[in-house]
Every structure is written in structure tokens, then in C-alpha cells.
Amino acid sequence: MVKYDTQSDRLSNTFAALADPTRREILLYLVSGEATVKELAEPFNMSLPGISKHLKVLEKAGLIERGREAQWRPCKIRPEGLKEASGWLDHYRHFWEESLDRLDAYLQQLQAKNKEPEK
């Protein structure tokens, strides 16, 4: 069995970040464009330090990046941060689709066998 260092495992960081519904909502919000920490805190009725903690997790996972313009730090989504997770999920999606296709074929075979008149 392969052991992974979770500190450097980007996929683990991505899924850990996505596990929280507030962070998923932040990503949805950022799909429409950049936003400041203050703008992101408003819809969640959350303090600036509270939203900043969520942003740090998203940034560590590579899902957002924070710029620095004068005194404000705009946040923007990094869609490429989801690419690795999407690829990992696709592997399993193909596995389940193939498994379900085989099950469907088997059930159709059983149904056809049950429809045959007895001799």
C-alpha cells in the first residue's frame, strides 16, 4: 500500500476544502467574478476572520488565488484547481457506468429468459 504525505497531497487538500458547504458556496460566488473578503463575508453573515479561515483552506487547495491591490485583496476562482479532482472522479464514474451497463445487460437477459414460453 502506498502512503501519502497529506501535507503535499493536493487531491486530499481539494476534497477537504470541498467538504465544507460554506467553502463550496464561496466557490459558487466566485464563479461570477472576483470579490473582496468583505464582499464574501456578507452573504454568510460571517466575520472577516471567519471567512479568511475558509479562504486560506481554499487557497491552500489551489481552488482560489488572492491578489493584492492597494489595501484590498481580491479573491478569484482557479478552475484548474478542480481539474485533478475531476479526473479522479471521472475514473470512478467510468467504473460505475461500466458496472451498471453490465448489470443492465444481465437483467435484460434474465427478463428475456423469463418471457420465453416453457417447453
Protein backbone atom coordinates (compact mmCIF):
# COMPACT_ATOMS: atom_id res chain seq x y z
CA MET A 1 0.00 0.00 0.00
CA VAL A 2 1.29 3.46 -0.90
CA LYS A 3 1.42 6.03 1.88
CA TYR A 4 0.82 9.65 1.05
CA ASP A 5 2.00 12.75 2.83
CA THR A 6 -1.30 14.56 3.32
CA GLN A 7 0.52 17.89 3.62
CA SER A 8 1.58 17.67 0.00
CA ASP A 9 -1.32 15.64 -1.37
CA ARG A 10 -3.21 18.20 -3.46
CA LEU A 11 -6.15 15.87 -4.04
CA SER A 12 -6.67 15.43 -0.29
CA ASN A 13 -6.47 19.19 0.19
CA THR A 14 -9.01 19.72 -2.59
CA PHE A 15 -11.54 17.26 -1.19
CA ALA A 16 -11.02 18.58 2.36
CA ALA A 17 -11.72 22.10 1.11
CA LEU A 18 -14.81 20.97 -0.80
CA ALA A 19 -16.15 19.06 2.20
CA ASP A 20 -17.38 22.27 3.79
CA PRO A 21 -20.64 23.73 2.41
CA THR A 22 -19.53 27.31 3.11
CA ARG A 23 -16.41 26.85 1.01
CA ARG A 24 -18.47 25.34 -1.83
CA GLU A 25 -20.76 28.39 -1.67
CA ILE A 26 -17.74 30.69 -1.77
CA LEU A 27 -16.57 28.97 -4.95
CA LEU A 28 -20.04 29.37 -6.47
CA TYR A 29 -19.96 33.05 -5.59
CA LEU A 30 -16.53 33.48 -7.19
CA VAL A 31 -17.65 31.86 -10.45
CA SER A 32 -19.29 35.20 -11.30
CA GLY A 33 -16.04 37.13 -10.74
CA GLU A 34 -13.56 38.47 -8.24
CA ALA A 35 -14.67 39.53 -4.78
CA THR A 36 -13.07 41.01 -1.71
CA VAL A 37 -13.01 39.29 1.67
CA LYS A 38 -15.64 41.77 2.88
CA GLU A 39 -17.91 41.02 -0.11
CA LEU A 40 -17.55 37.28 0.52
CA ALA A 41 -18.33 37.60 4.23
CA GLU A 42 -21.62 39.49 3.70
CA PRO A 43 -23.82 36.70 2.28
CA PHE A 44 -22.67 34.32 5.01
CA ASN A 45 -23.17 36.78 7.86
CA MET A 46 -19.65 35.87 8.94
CA SER A 47 -16.81 37.86 10.46
CA LEU A 48 -13.83 38.78 8.31
CA PRO A 49 -11.50 36.48 10.31
CA GLY A 50 -14.04 33.66 9.91
CA ILE A 51 -14.27 34.00 6.14
CA SER A 52 -10.49 34.42 5.96
CA LYS A 53 -10.03 30.98 7.51
CA HIS A 54 -12.19 29.46 4.77
CA LEU A 55 -10.27 31.37 2.11
CA LYS A 56 -6.94 30.08 3.44
CA VAL A 57 -8.18 26.49 3.09
CA LEU A 58 -9.38 27.16 -0.46
CA GLU A 59 -6.12 28.86 -1.33
CA LYS A 60 -4.02 26.00 0.10
CA ALA A 61 -6.03 23.58 -2.05
CA GLY A 62 -5.31 25.69 -5.13
CA LEU A 63 -9.00 26.45 -5.70
CA ILE A 64 -8.69 30.23 -5.37
CA GLU A 65 -5.98 32.82 -5.51
CA ARG A 66 -5.82 36.08 -3.65
CA GLY A 67 -4.29 39.16 -5.17
CA ARG A 68 -3.06 42.31 -3.58
CA GLU A 69 -4.27 45.64 -4.89
CA ALA A 70 -3.60 48.58 -2.59
CA GLN A 71 -5.37 47.72 0.67
CA TRP A 72 -7.80 45.13 -0.60
CA ARG A 73 -7.16 41.52 -1.53
CA PRO A 74 -9.48 40.38 -4.30
CA CYS A 75 -10.15 36.64 -4.48
CA LYS A 76 -10.76 34.76 -7.68
CA ILE A 77 -11.50 31.17 -8.51
CA ARG A 78 -8.85 28.92 -10.06
CA PRO A 79 -10.89 26.39 -12.04
CA GLU A 80 -7.75 24.42 -12.90
CA GLY A 81 -7.58 23.58 -9.19
CA LEU A 82 -10.60 21.32 -9.68
CA LYS A 83 -9.11 19.54 -12.71
CA GLU A 84 -7.23 16.89 -10.72
CA ALA A 85 -10.29 16.11 -8.58
CA SER A 86 -12.48 15.95 -11.67
CA GLY A 87 -10.08 13.50 -13.33
CA TRP A 88 -10.03 11.32 -10.22
CA LEU A 89 -13.83 11.29 -10.07
CA ASP A 90 -14.08 10.54 -13.80
CA HIS A 91 -12.11 7.34 -13.30
CA TYR A 92 -14.71 6.11 -10.83
CA ARG A 93 -17.61 7.42 -12.89
CA HIS A 94 -16.41 5.24 -15.79
CA PHE A 95 -16.08 2.28 -13.43
CA TRP A 96 -19.66 2.67 -12.17
CA GLU A 97 -21.09 3.27 -15.63
CA GLU A 98 -19.46 0.08 -16.91
CA SER A 99 -20.67 -1.85 -13.85
CA LEU A 100 -24.22 -0.57 -14.27
CA ASP A 101 -24.16 -1.35 -18.00
CA ARG A 102 -23.16 -4.95 -17.20
CA LEU A 103 -25.91 -5.19 -14.58
CA ASP A 104 -28.45 -3.81 -17.06
CA ALA A 105 -27.40 -6.36 -19.70
CA TYR A 106 -27.70 -9.16 -17.15
CA LEU A 107 -31.18 -8.02 -16.05
CA GLN A 108 -32.33 -7.79 -19.66
CA GLN A 109 -31.02 -11.30 -20.21
CA LEU A 110 -32.98 -12.55 -17.18
CA GLN A 111 -36.15 -10.79 -18.35
CA ALA A 112 -35.83 -12.29 -21.82
CA LYS A 113 -35.32 -15.73 -20.30
CA ASN A 114 -38.45 -15.32 -18.13
CA LYS A 115 -40.52 -14.27 -21.16
CA GLU A 116 -39.66 -17.41 -23.12
CA PRO A 117 -42.55 -19.89 -23.13
CA GLU A 118 -41.90 -23.09 -21.25
CA LYS A 119 -41.46 -26.21 -23.38
